[in-house]
Amino acid sequence: GEGEEAKVPWHQIHFEAQAAGDDTYIDPATGYQVYTEGFHR
């Protein structure tokens, strides 16, 4: 993140993507696009 490194687990990124209604998010460790649970449902 900005300043010191922010540690954001993929669980949090998934939660935020779901809340925003997004079908996917980018996994921070791999850079891969990941489908959310909402998309699968």
PDB file of all heavy atoms in Angstrom:
ATOM      1  N   GLY A   1       0.839  -1.188   0.000  1.00  0.00           N
ATOM      2  CA  GLY A   1       0.000   0.000   0.000  1.00  0.00           C
ATOM      3  C   GLY A   1       0.878   1.242   0.000  1.00  0.00           C
ATOM      4  O   GLY A   1       2.073   1.168  -0.237  1.00  0.00           O
ATOM      5  N   GLU A   2       0.292   2.377   0.281  1.00  0.00           N
ATOM      6  CA  GLU A   2       1.054   3.611   0.349  1.00  0.00           C
ATOM      7  C   GLU A   2       1.780   3.686   1.684  1.00  0.00           C
ATOM      8  O   GLU A   2       1.294   3.190   2.696  1.00  0.00           O
ATOM      9  CB  GLU A   2       0.107   4.795   0.209  1.00  0.00           C
ATOM     10  CG  GLU A   2      -0.555   4.851  -1.146  1.00  0.00           C
ATOM     11  CD  GLU A   2      -1.506   6.019  -1.266  1.00  0.00           C
ATOM     12  OE1 GLU A   2      -1.453   6.929  -0.411  1.00  0.00           O
ATOM     13  OE2 GLU A   2      -2.281   6.012  -2.204  1.00  0.00           O
ATOM     14  N   GLY A   3       2.941   4.326   1.699  1.00  0.00           N
ATOM     15  CA  GLY A   3       3.718   4.417   2.930  1.00  0.00           C
ATOM     16  C   GLY A   3       4.289   3.064   3.272  1.00  0.00           C
ATOM     17  O   GLY A   3       4.955   2.442   2.470  1.00  0.00           O
ATOM     18  N   GLU A   4       4.015   2.577   4.478  1.00  0.00           N
ATOM     19  CA  GLU A   4       4.490   1.247   4.828  1.00  0.00           C
ATOM     20  C   GLU A   4       3.598   0.211   4.160  1.00  0.00           C
ATOM     21  O   GLU A   4       2.467   0.481   3.783  1.00  0.00           O
ATOM     22  CB  GLU A   4       4.518   1.068   6.342  1.00  0.00           C
ATOM     23  CG  GLU A   4       3.182   1.142   7.006  1.00  0.00           C
ATOM     24  CD  GLU A   4       3.298   0.988   8.509  1.00  0.00           C
ATOM     25  OE1 GLU A   4       4.117   1.699   9.106  1.00  0.00           O
ATOM     26  OE2 GLU A   4       2.573   0.154   9.056  1.00  0.00           O
ATOM     27  N   GLU A   5       4.124  -0.980   3.980  1.00  0.00           N
ATOM     28  CA  GLU A   5       3.386  -2.024   3.277  1.00  0.00           C
ATOM     29  C   GLU A   5       2.111  -2.405   4.010  1.00  0.00           C
ATOM     30  O   GLU A   5       2.120  -2.669   5.206  1.00  0.00           O
ATOM     31  CB  GLU A   5       4.253  -3.274   3.102  1.00  0.00           C
ATOM     32  CG  GLU A   5       5.320  -3.119   2.076  1.00  0.00           C
ATOM     33  CD  GLU A   5       5.969  -4.443   1.751  1.00  0.00           C
ATOM     34  OE1 GLU A   5       5.461  -5.493   2.181  1.00  0.00           O
ATOM     35  OE2 GLU A   5       6.972  -4.423   1.063  1.00  0.00           O
ATOM     36  N   ALA A   6       1.015  -2.399   3.276  1.00  0.00           N
ATOM     37  CA  ALA A   6      -0.258  -2.849   3.829  1.00  0.00           C
ATOM     38  C   ALA A   6      -0.383  -4.347   3.575  1.00  0.00           C
ATOM     39  O   ALA A   6      -0.075  -4.820   2.504  1.00  0.00           O
ATOM     40  CB  ALA A   6      -1.407  -2.101   3.155  1.00  0.00           C
ATOM     41  N   LYS A   7      -0.832  -5.084   4.574  1.00  0.00           N
ATOM     42  CA  LYS A   7      -1.013  -6.523   4.448  1.00  0.00           C
ATOM     43  C   LYS A   7      -2.499  -6.805   4.292  1.00  0.00           C
ATOM     44  O   LYS A   7      -3.252  -6.749   5.258  1.00  0.00           O
ATOM     45  CB  LYS A   7      -0.452  -7.263   5.673  1.00  0.00           C
ATOM     46  CG  LYS A   7       1.007  -6.959   5.940  1.00  0.00           C
ATOM     47  CD  LYS A   7       1.890  -7.436   4.810  1.00  0.00           C
ATOM     48  CE  LYS A   7       3.341  -7.159   5.120  1.00  0.00           C
ATOM     49  NZ  LYS A   7       4.212  -7.364   3.998  1.00  0.00           N
ATOM     50  N   VAL A   8      -2.912  -7.065   3.049  1.00  0.00           N
ATOM     51  CA  VAL A   8      -4.322  -7.294   2.777  1.00  0.00           C
ATOM     52  C   VAL A   8      -4.490  -8.733   2.312  1.00  0.00           C
ATOM     53  O   VAL A   8      -4.093  -9.093   1.213  1.00  0.00           O
ATOM     54  CB  VAL A   8      -4.846  -6.326   1.684  1.00  0.00           C
ATOM     55  CG1 VAL A   8      -6.335  -6.545   1.454  1.00  0.00           C
ATOM     56  CG2 VAL A   8      -4.561  -4.889   2.065  1.00  0.00           C
ATOM     57  N   PRO A   9      -5.103  -9.597   3.133  1.00  0.00           N
ATOM     58  CA  PRO A   9      -5.301 -10.987   2.727  1.00  0.00           C
ATOM     59  C   PRO A   9      -6.366 -11.086   1.633  1.00  0.00           C
ATOM     60  O   PRO A   9      -7.259 -10.253   1.544  1.00  0.00           O
ATOM     61  CB  PRO A   9      -5.750 -11.679   4.011  1.00  0.00           C
ATOM     62  CG  PRO A   9      -6.344 -10.601   4.836  1.00  0.00           C
ATOM     63  CD  PRO A   9      -5.606  -9.334   4.470  1.00  0.00           C
ATOM     64  N   TRP A  10      -6.264 -12.130   0.822  1.00  0.00           N
ATOM     65  CA  TRP A  10      -7.233 -12.294  -0.263  1.00  0.00           C
ATOM     66  C   TRP A  10      -8.651 -12.410   0.266  1.00  0.00           C
ATOM     67  O   TRP A  10      -9.603 -12.048  -0.421  1.00  0.00           O
ATOM     68  CB  TRP A  10      -6.873 -13.452  -1.181  1.00  0.00           C
ATOM     69  CG  TRP A  10      -6.851 -14.825  -0.577  1.00  0.00           C
ATOM     70  CD1 TRP A  10      -5.762 -15.523  -0.175  1.00  0.00           C
ATOM     71  CD2 TRP A  10      -7.979 -15.680  -0.338  1.00  0.00           C
ATOM     72  NE1 TRP A  10      -6.129 -16.751   0.320  1.00  0.00           N
ATOM     73  CE2 TRP A  10      -7.494 -16.880   0.221  1.00  0.00           C
ATOM     74  CE3 TRP A  10      -9.350 -15.558  -0.529  1.00  0.00           C
ATOM     75  CZ2 TRP A  10      -8.319 -17.931   0.581  1.00  0.00           C
ATOM     76  CZ3 TRP A  10     -10.175 -16.612  -0.176  1.00  0.00           C
ATOM     77  CH2 TRP A  10      -9.657 -17.785   0.372  1.00  0.00           C
ATOM     78  N   HIS A  11      -8.823 -12.895   1.511  1.00  0.00           N
ATOM     79  CA  HIS A  11     -10.162 -13.003   2.094  1.00  0.00           C
ATOM     80  C   HIS A  11     -10.841 -11.622   2.132  1.00  0.00           C
ATOM     81  O   HIS A  11     -12.019 -11.492   1.815  1.00  0.00           O
ATOM     82  CB  HIS A  11     -10.104 -13.557   3.523  1.00  0.00           C
ATOM     83  CG  HIS A  11      -9.487 -14.898   3.629  1.00  0.00           C
ATOM     84  ND1 HIS A  11      -8.135 -15.077   3.763  1.00  0.00           N
ATOM     85  CD2 HIS A  11     -10.030 -16.136   3.592  1.00  0.00           C
ATOM     86  CE1 HIS A  11      -7.877 -16.369   3.821  1.00  0.00           C
ATOM     87  NE2 HIS A  11      -9.003 -17.038   3.718  1.00  0.00           N
ATOM     88  N   GLN A  12     -10.083 -10.617   2.537  1.00  0.00           N
ATOM     89  CA  GLN A  12     -10.620  -9.258   2.617  1.00  0.00           C
ATOM     90  C   GLN A  12     -10.923  -8.706   1.228  1.00  0.00           C
ATOM     91  O   GLN A  12     -11.953  -8.075   1.010  1.00  0.00           O
ATOM     92  CB  GLN A  12      -9.639  -8.329   3.351  1.00  0.00           C
ATOM     93  CG  GLN A  12     -10.116  -6.901   3.471  1.00  0.00           C
ATOM     94  CD  GLN A  12     -11.360  -6.751   4.329  1.00  0.00           C
ATOM     95  OE1 GLN A  12     -11.574  -7.524   5.254  1.00  0.00           O
ATOM     96  NE2 GLN A  12     -12.183  -5.780   4.029  1.00  0.00           N
ATOM     97  N   ILE A  13     -10.042  -8.969   0.277  1.00  0.00           N
ATOM     98  CA  ILE A  13     -10.258  -8.497  -1.089  1.00  0.00           C
ATOM     99  C   ILE A  13     -11.504  -9.154  -1.680  1.00  0.00           C
ATOM    100  O   ILE A  13     -12.299  -8.503  -2.356  1.00  0.00           O
ATOM    101  CB  ILE A  13      -9.009  -8.763  -1.950  1.00  0.00           C
ATOM    102  CG1 ILE A  13      -7.831  -7.965  -1.388  1.00  0.00           C
ATOM    103  CG2 ILE A  13      -9.263  -8.396  -3.398  1.00  0.00           C
ATOM    104  CD1 ILE A  13      -6.499  -8.343  -1.975  1.00  0.00           C
ATOM    105  N   HIS A  14     -11.693 -10.444  -1.400  1.00  0.00           N
ATOM    106  CA  HIS A  14     -12.895 -11.150  -1.864  1.00  0.00           C
ATOM    107  C   HIS A  14     -14.146 -10.521  -1.254  1.00  0.00           C
ATOM    108  O   HIS A  14     -15.128 -10.256  -1.960  1.00  0.00           O
ATOM    109  CB  HIS A  14     -12.811 -12.636  -1.496  1.00  0.00           C
ATOM    110  CG  HIS A  14     -14.032 -13.409  -1.865  1.00  0.00           C
ATOM    111  ND1 HIS A  14     -14.902 -13.914  -0.918  1.00  0.00           N
ATOM    112  CD2 HIS A  14     -14.536 -13.761  -3.072  1.00  0.00           C
ATOM    113  CE1 HIS A  14     -15.880 -14.549  -1.527  1.00  0.00           C
ATOM    114  NE2 HIS A  14     -15.694 -14.473  -2.835  1.00  0.00           N
ATOM    115  N   PHE A  15     -14.127 -10.272   0.041  1.00  0.00           N
ATOM    116  CA  PHE A  15     -15.261  -9.650   0.722  1.00  0.00           C
ATOM    117  C   PHE A  15     -15.600  -8.301   0.084  1.00  0.00           C
ATOM    118  O   PHE A  15     -16.775  -8.001  -0.179  1.00  0.00           O
ATOM    119  CB  PHE A  15     -14.941  -9.473   2.213  1.00  0.00           C
ATOM    120  CG  PHE A  15     -16.016  -8.754   2.976  1.00  0.00           C
ATOM    121  CD1 PHE A  15     -17.153  -9.431   3.407  1.00  0.00           C
ATOM    122  CD2 PHE A  15     -15.903  -7.397   3.248  1.00  0.00           C
ATOM    123  CE1 PHE A  15     -18.154  -8.758   4.102  1.00  0.00           C
ATOM    124  CE2 PHE A  15     -16.893  -6.731   3.939  1.00  0.00           C
ATOM    125  CZ  PHE A  15     -18.018  -7.407   4.364  1.00  0.00           C
ATOM    126  N   GLU A  16     -14.599  -7.485  -0.176  1.00  0.00           N
ATOM    127  CA  GLU A  16     -14.818  -6.165  -0.772  1.00  0.00           C
ATOM    128  C   GLU A  16     -15.365  -6.277  -2.196  1.00  0.00           C
ATOM    129  O   GLU A  16     -16.242  -5.500  -2.592  1.00  0.00           O
ATOM    130  CB  GLU A  16     -13.524  -5.359  -0.748  1.00  0.00           C
ATOM    131  CG  GLU A  16     -13.117  -4.963   0.662  1.00  0.00           C
ATOM    132  CD  GLU A  16     -11.716  -4.389   0.760  1.00  0.00           C
ATOM    133  OE1 GLU A  16     -11.017  -4.280  -0.284  1.00  0.00           O
ATOM    134  OE2 GLU A  16     -11.308  -4.051   1.880  1.00  0.00           O
ATOM    135  N   ALA A  17     -14.864  -7.233  -2.961  1.00  0.00           N
ATOM    136  CA  ALA A  17     -15.358  -7.445  -4.329  1.00  0.00           C
ATOM    137  C   ALA A  17     -16.821  -7.861  -4.302  1.00  0.00           C
ATOM    138  O   ALA A  17     -17.637  -7.369  -5.093  1.00  0.00           O
ATOM    139  CB  ALA A  17     -14.510  -8.488  -5.047  1.00  0.00           C
ATOM    140  N   GLN A  18     -17.157  -8.776  -3.387  1.00  0.00           N
ATOM    141  CA  GLN A  18     -18.556  -9.220  -3.265  1.00  0.00           C
ATOM    142  C   GLN A  18     -19.455  -8.043  -2.890  1.00  0.00           C
ATOM    143  O   GLN A  18     -20.531  -7.875  -3.458  1.00  0.00           O
ATOM    144  CB  GLN A  18     -18.673 -10.302  -2.199  1.00  0.00           C
ATOM    145  CG  GLN A  18     -18.027 -11.612  -2.579  1.00  0.00           C
ATOM    146  CD  GLN A  18     -19.051 -12.672  -2.856  1.00  0.00           C
ATOM    147  OE1 GLN A  18     -19.261 -13.005  -4.003  1.00  0.00           O
ATOM    148  NE2 GLN A  18     -19.683 -13.184  -1.844  1.00  0.00           N
ATOM    149  N   ALA A  19     -19.018  -7.228  -1.923  1.00  0.00           N
ATOM    150  CA  ALA A  19     -19.812  -6.090  -1.466  1.00  0.00           C
ATOM    151  C   ALA A  19     -20.035  -5.086  -2.591  1.00  0.00           C
ATOM    152  O   ALA A  19     -21.096  -4.452  -2.666  1.00  0.00           O
ATOM    153  CB  ALA A  19     -19.126  -5.416  -0.274  1.00  0.00           C
ATOM    154  N   ALA A  20     -19.070  -4.965  -3.481  1.00  0.00           N
ATOM    155  CA  ALA A  20     -19.180  -4.033  -4.605  1.00  0.00           C
ATOM    156  C   ALA A  20     -19.957  -4.627  -5.779  1.00  0.00           C
ATOM    157  O   ALA A  20     -20.230  -3.939  -6.758  1.00  0.00           O
ATOM    158  CB  ALA A  20     -17.776  -3.622  -5.067  1.00  0.00           C
ATOM    159  N   GLY A  21     -20.302  -5.917  -5.680  1.00  0.00           N
ATOM    160  CA  GLY A  21     -21.022  -6.571  -6.770  1.00  0.00           C
ATOM    161  C   GLY A  21     -20.131  -7.009  -7.914  1.00  0.00           C
ATOM    162  O   GLY A  21     -20.619  -7.315  -8.999  1.00  0.00           O
ATOM    163  N   ASP A  22     -18.816  -7.060  -7.663  1.00  0.00           N
ATOM    164  CA  ASP A  22     -17.872  -7.474  -8.705  1.00  0.00           C
ATOM    165  C   ASP A  22     -17.883  -8.993  -8.850  1.00  0.00           C
ATOM    166  O   ASP A  22     -18.051  -9.718  -7.870  1.00  0.00           O
ATOM    167  CB  ASP A  22     -16.447  -7.018  -8.364  1.00  0.00           C
ATOM    168  CG  ASP A  22     -16.319  -5.510  -8.338  1.00  0.00           C
ATOM    169  OD1 ASP A  22     -17.142  -4.818  -8.976  1.00  0.00           O
ATOM    170  OD2 ASP A  22     -15.390  -5.023  -7.671  1.00  0.00           O
ATOM    171  N   ASP A  23     -17.686  -9.478 -10.063  1.00  0.00           N
ATOM    172  CA  ASP A  23     -17.611 -10.914 -10.314  1.00  0.00           C
ATOM    173  C   ASP A  23     -16.226 -11.484 -10.050  1.00  0.00           C
ATOM    174  O   ASP A  23     -16.077 -12.685  -9.843  1.00  0.00           O
ATOM    175  CB  ASP A  23     -17.990 -11.231 -11.761  1.00  0.00           C
ATOM    176  CG  ASP A  23     -19.475 -11.077 -12.021  1.00  0.00           C
ATOM    177  OD1 ASP A  23     -20.266 -11.125 -11.065  1.00  0.00           O
ATOM    178  OD2 ASP A  23     -19.845 -10.913 -13.200  1.00  0.00           O
ATOM    179  N   THR A  24     -15.210 -10.636 -10.077  1.00  0.00           N
ATOM    180  CA  THR A  24     -13.833 -11.100  -9.925  1.00  0.00           C
ATOM    181  C   THR A  24     -13.026 -10.123  -9.079  1.00  0.00           C
ATOM    182  O   THR A  24     -13.436  -8.994  -8.838  1.00  0.00           O
ATOM    183  CB  THR A  24     -13.122 -11.229 -11.289  1.00  0.00           C
ATOM    184  OG1 THR A  24     -13.032  -9.930 -11.893  1.00  0.00           O
ATOM    185  CG2 THR A  24     -13.845 -12.181 -12.222  1.00  0.00           C
ATOM    186  N   TYR A  25     -11.855 -10.604  -8.654  1.00  0.00           N
ATOM    187  CA  TYR A  25     -10.847  -9.756  -8.023  1.00  0.00           C
ATOM    188  C   TYR A  25      -9.483 -10.309  -8.425  1.00  0.00           C
ATOM    189  O   TYR A  25      -9.379 -11.427  -8.927  1.00  0.00           O
ATOM    190  CB  TYR A  25     -10.999  -9.704  -6.495  1.00  0.00           C
ATOM    191  CG  TYR A  25     -10.760 -11.023  -5.800  1.00  0.00           C
ATOM    192  CD1 TYR A  25      -9.494 -11.358  -5.318  1.00  0.00           C
ATOM    193  CD2 TYR A  25     -11.785 -11.936  -5.618  1.00  0.00           C
ATOM    194  CE1 TYR A  25      -9.276 -12.573  -4.685  1.00  0.00           C
ATOM    195  CE2 TYR A  25     -11.573 -13.140  -4.979  1.00  0.00           C
ATOM    196  CZ  TYR A  25     -10.313 -13.455  -4.516  1.00  0.00           C
ATOM    197  OH  TYR A  25     -10.089 -14.648  -3.894  1.00  0.00           O
ATOM    198  N   ILE A  26      -8.441  -9.545  -8.209  1.00  0.00           N
ATOM    199  CA  ILE A  26      -7.082  -9.975  -8.527  1.00  0.00           C
ATOM    200  C   ILE A  26      -6.418 -10.494  -7.258  1.00  0.00           C
ATOM    201  O   ILE A  26      -6.343  -9.783  -6.259  1.00  0.00           O
ATOM    202  CB  ILE A  26      -6.240  -8.828  -9.131  1.00  0.00           C
ATOM    203  CG1 ILE A  26      -6.914  -8.269 -10.389  1.00  0.00           C
ATOM    204  CG2 ILE A  26      -4.816  -9.285  -9.416  1.00  0.00           C
ATOM    205  CD1 ILE A  26      -7.082  -9.258 -11.528  1.00  0.00           C
ATOM    206  N   ASP A  27      -5.953 -11.734  -7.290  1.00  0.00           N
ATOM    207  CA  ASP A  27      -5.250 -12.312  -6.152  1.00  0.00           C
ATOM    208  C   ASP A  27      -3.922 -11.575  -5.996  1.00  0.00           C
ATOM    209  O   ASP A  27      -3.128 -11.514  -6.939  1.00  0.00           O
ATOM    210  CB  ASP A  27      -5.005 -13.801  -6.386  1.00  0.00           C
ATOM    211  CG  ASP A  27      -4.296 -14.440  -5.212  1.00  0.00           C
ATOM    212  OD1 ASP A  27      -3.052 -14.305  -5.141  1.00  0.00           O
ATOM    213  OD2 ASP A  27      -4.956 -15.058  -4.381  1.00  0.00           O
ATOM    214  N   PRO A  28      -3.665 -10.995  -4.821  1.00  0.00           N
ATOM    215  CA  PRO A  28      -2.450 -10.201  -4.647  1.00  0.00           C
ATOM    216  C   PRO A  28      -1.160 -11.014  -4.693  1.00  0.00           C
ATOM    217  O   PRO A  28      -0.106 -10.477  -5.022  1.00  0.00           O
ATOM    218  CB  PRO A  28      -2.633  -9.544  -3.281  1.00  0.00           C
ATOM    219  CG  PRO A  28      -3.603 -10.407  -2.570  1.00  0.00           C
ATOM    220  CD  PRO A  28      -4.497 -11.001  -3.615  1.00  0.00           C
ATOM    221  N   ALA A  29      -1.212 -12.294  -4.390  1.00  0.00           N
ATOM    222  CA  ALA A  29       0.000 -13.111  -4.381  1.00  0.00           C
ATOM    223  C   ALA A  29       0.383 -13.601  -5.771  1.00  0.00           C
ATOM    224  O   ALA A  29       1.562 -13.745  -6.075  1.00  0.00           O
ATOM    225  CB  ALA A  29      -0.179 -14.304  -3.451  1.00  0.00           C
ATOM    226  N   THR A  30      -0.621 -13.851  -6.621  1.00  0.00           N
ATOM    227  CA  THR A  30      -0.341 -14.444  -7.932  1.00  0.00           C
ATOM    228  C   THR A  30      -0.605 -13.518  -9.099  1.00  0.00           C
ATOM    229  O   THR A  30      -0.075 -13.723 -10.182  1.00  0.00           O
ATOM    230  CB  THR A  30      -1.212 -15.701  -8.148  1.00  0.00           C
ATOM    231  OG1 THR A  30      -2.591 -15.307  -8.168  1.00  0.00           O
ATOM    232  CG2 THR A  30      -0.974 -16.732  -7.064  1.00  0.00           C
ATOM    233  N   GLY A  31      -1.468 -12.525  -8.895  1.00  0.00           N
ATOM    234  CA  GLY A  31      -1.878 -11.658  -9.985  1.00  0.00           C
ATOM    235  C   GLY A  31      -2.983 -12.263 -10.839  1.00  0.00           C
ATOM    236  O   GLY A  31      -3.432 -11.666 -11.804  1.00  0.00           O
ATOM    237  N   TYR A  32      -3.452 -13.460 -10.462  1.00  0.00           N
ATOM    238  CA  TYR A  32      -4.516 -14.123 -11.214  1.00  0.00           C
ATOM    239  C   TYR A  32      -5.862 -13.482 -10.905  1.00  0.00           C
ATOM    240  O   TYR A  32      -6.118 -13.016  -9.796  1.00  0.00           O
ATOM    241  CB  TYR A  32      -4.616 -15.604 -10.856  1.00  0.00           C
ATOM    242  CG  TYR A  32      -3.449 -16.444 -11.289  1.00  0.00           C
ATOM    243  CD1 TYR A  32      -3.151 -17.611 -10.606  1.00  0.00           C
ATOM    244  CD2 TYR A  32      -2.643 -16.096 -12.370  1.00  0.00           C
ATOM    245  CE1 TYR A  32      -2.084 -18.413 -10.991  1.00  0.00           C
ATOM    246  CE2 TYR A  32      -1.579 -16.882 -12.755  1.00  0.00           C
ATOM    247  CZ  TYR A  32      -1.304 -18.047 -12.066  1.00  0.00           C
ATOM    248  OH  TYR A  32      -0.259 -18.838 -12.443  1.00  0.00           O
ATOM    249  N   GLN A  33      -6.747 -13.512 -11.890  1.00  0.00           N
ATOM    250  CA  GLN A  33      -8.117 -13.078 -11.701  1.00  0.00           C
ATOM    251  C   GLN A  33      -8.891 -14.244 -11.092  1.00  0.00           C
ATOM    252  O   GLN A  33      -8.813 -15.370 -11.578  1.00  0.00           O
ATOM    253  CB  GLN A  33      -8.716 -12.686 -13.045  1.00  0.00           C
ATOM    254  CG  GLN A  33     -10.064 -12.080 -12.959  1.00  0.00           C
ATOM    255  CD  GLN A  33     -10.519 -11.520 -14.299  1.00  0.00           C
ATOM    256  OE1 GLN A  33      -9.745 -11.365 -15.224  1.00  0.00           O
ATOM    257  NE2 GLN A  33     -11.782 -11.225 -14.398  1.00  0.00           N
ATOM    258  N   VAL A  34      -9.650 -13.972 -10.016  1.00  0.00           N
ATOM    259  CA  VAL A  34     -10.365 -15.010  -9.283  1.00  0.00           C
ATOM    260  C   VAL A  34     -11.853 -14.667  -9.274  1.00  0.00           C
ATOM    261  O   VAL A  34     -12.232 -13.531  -8.977  1.00  0.00           O
ATOM    262  CB  VAL A  34      -9.861 -15.099  -7.820  1.00  0.00           C
ATOM    263  CG1 VAL A  34     -10.593 -16.172  -7.047  1.00  0.00           C
ATOM    264  CG2 VAL A  34      -8.356 -15.343  -7.783  1.00  0.00           C
ATOM    265  N   TYR A  35     -12.702 -15.648  -9.605  1.00  0.00           N
ATOM    266  CA  TYR A  35     -14.146 -15.439  -9.544  1.00  0.00           C
ATOM    267  C   TYR A  35     -14.618 -15.449  -8.098  1.00  0.00           C
ATOM    268  O   TYR A  35     -14.162 -16.244  -7.292  1.00  0.00           O
ATOM    269  CB  TYR A  35     -14.891 -16.536 -10.306  1.00  0.00           C
ATOM    270  CG  TYR A  35     -14.770 -16.412 -11.796  1.00  0.00           C
ATOM    271  CD1 TYR A  35     -14.060 -17.345 -12.535  1.00  0.00           C
ATOM    272  CD2 TYR A  35     -15.371 -15.362 -12.478  1.00  0.00           C
ATOM    273  CE1 TYR A  35     -13.946 -17.231 -13.910  1.00  0.00           C
ATOM    274  CE2 TYR A  35     -15.258 -15.239 -13.850  1.00  0.00           C
ATOM    275  CZ  TYR A  35     -14.549 -16.177 -14.560  1.00  0.00           C
ATOM    276  OH  TYR A  35     -14.433 -16.063 -15.915  1.00  0.00           O
ATOM    277  N   THR A  36     -15.573 -14.567  -7.788  1.00  0.00           N
ATOM    278  CA  THR A  36     -16.135 -14.504  -6.443  1.00  0.00           C
ATOM    279  C   THR A  36     -17.177 -15.606  -6.254  1.00  0.00           C
ATOM    280  O   THR A  36     -17.676 -16.195  -7.219  1.00  0.00           O
ATOM    281  CB  THR A  36     -16.822 -13.151  -6.190  1.00  0.00           C
ATOM    282  OG1 THR A  36     -17.925 -13.018  -7.096  1.00  0.00           O
ATOM    283  CG2 THR A  36     -15.857 -11.983  -6.336  1.00  0.00           C
ATOM    284  N   GLU A  37     -17.525 -15.853  -5.005  1.00  0.00           N
ATOM    285  CA  GLU A  37     -18.564 -16.833  -4.702  1.00  0.00           C
ATOM    286  C   GLU A  37     -19.892 -16.416  -5.335  1.00  0.00           C
ATOM    287  O   GLU A  37     -20.640 -17.255  -5.845  1.00  0.00           O
ATOM    288  CB  GLU A  37     -18.738 -17.000  -3.194  1.00  0.00           C
ATOM    289  CG  GLU A  37     -19.791 -18.025  -2.846  1.00  0.00           C
ATOM    290  CD  GLU A  37     -19.968 -18.222  -1.356  1.00  0.00           C
ATOM    291  OE1 GLU A  37     -19.126 -17.763  -0.562  1.00  0.00           O
ATOM    292  OE2 GLU A  37     -20.972 -18.853  -0.988  1.00  0.00           O
ATOM    293  N   GLY A  38     -20.191 -15.121  -5.321  1.00  0.00           N
ATOM    294  CA  GLY A  38     -21.430 -14.629  -5.925  1.00  0.00           C
ATOM    295  C   GLY A  38     -21.521 -14.974  -7.402  1.00  0.00           C
ATOM    296  O   GLY A  38     -22.580 -15.360  -7.899  1.00  0.00           O
ATOM    297  N   PHE A  39     -20.399 -14.851  -8.113  1.00  0.00           N
ATOM    298  CA  PHE A  39     -20.377 -15.217  -9.528  1.00  0.00           C
ATOM    299  C   PHE A  39     -20.729 -16.685  -9.695  1.00  0.00           C
ATOM    300  O   PHE A  39     -21.550 -17.058 -10.535  1.00  0.00           O
ATOM    301  CB  PHE A  39     -18.996 -14.947 -10.138  1.00  0.00           C
ATOM    302  CG  PHE A  39     -18.855 -15.517 -11.520  1.00  0.00           C
ATOM    303  CD1 PHE A  39     -19.316 -14.811 -12.617  1.00  0.00           C
ATOM    304  CD2 PHE A  39     -18.285 -16.761 -11.717  1.00  0.00           C
ATOM    305  CE1 PHE A  39     -19.213 -15.353 -13.891  1.00  0.00           C
ATOM    306  CE2 PHE A  39     -18.173 -17.305 -12.980  1.00  0.00           C
ATOM    307  CZ  PHE A  39     -18.637 -16.600 -14.079  1.00  0.00           C
ATOM    308  N   HIS A  40     -20.112 -17.537  -8.884  1.00  0.00           N
ATOM    309  CA  HIS A  40     -20.364 -18.980  -8.978  1.00  0.00           C
ATOM    310  C   HIS A  40     -21.821 -19.313  -8.666  1.00  0.00           C
ATOM    311  O   HIS A  40     -22.419 -20.158  -9.339  1.00  0.00           O
ATOM    312  CB  HIS A  40     -19.451 -19.755  -8.032  1.00  0.00           C
ATOM    313  CG  HIS A  40     -18.016 -19.741  -8.456  1.00  0.00           C
ATOM    314  ND1 HIS A  40     -17.572 -20.324  -9.611  1.00  0.00           N
ATOM    315  CD2 HIS A  40     -16.929 -19.195  -7.869  1.00  0.00           C
ATOM    316  CE1 HIS A  40     -16.272 -20.154  -9.723  1.00  0.00           C
ATOM    317  NE2 HIS A  40     -15.855 -19.466  -8.675  1.00  0.00           N
ATOM    318  N   ARG A  41     -22.392 -18.658  -7.669  1.00  0.00           N
ATOM    319  CA  ARG A  41     -23.802 -18.924  -7.326  1.00  0.00           C
ATOM    320  C   ARG A  41     -24.718 -18.536  -8.487  1.00  0.00           C
ATOM    321  O   ARG A  41     -25.667 -19.258  -8.805  1.00  0.00           O
ATOM    322  CB  ARG A  41     -24.196 -18.190  -6.057  1.00  0.00           C
ATOM    323  CG  ARG A  41     -23.554 -18.787  -4.827  1.00  0.00           C
ATOM    324  CD  ARG A  41     -24.211 -18.279  -3.550  1.00  0.00           C
ATOM    325  NE  ARG A  41     -23.533 -18.827  -2.394  1.00  0.00           N
ATOM    326  CZ  ARG A  41     -23.700 -20.057  -1.922  1.00  0.00           C
ATOM    327  NH1 ARG A  41     -24.530 -20.872  -2.520  1.00  0.00           N
ATOM    328  NH2 ARG A  41     -23.039 -20.465  -0.863  1.00  0.00           N
TER     329      ARG A  41
END
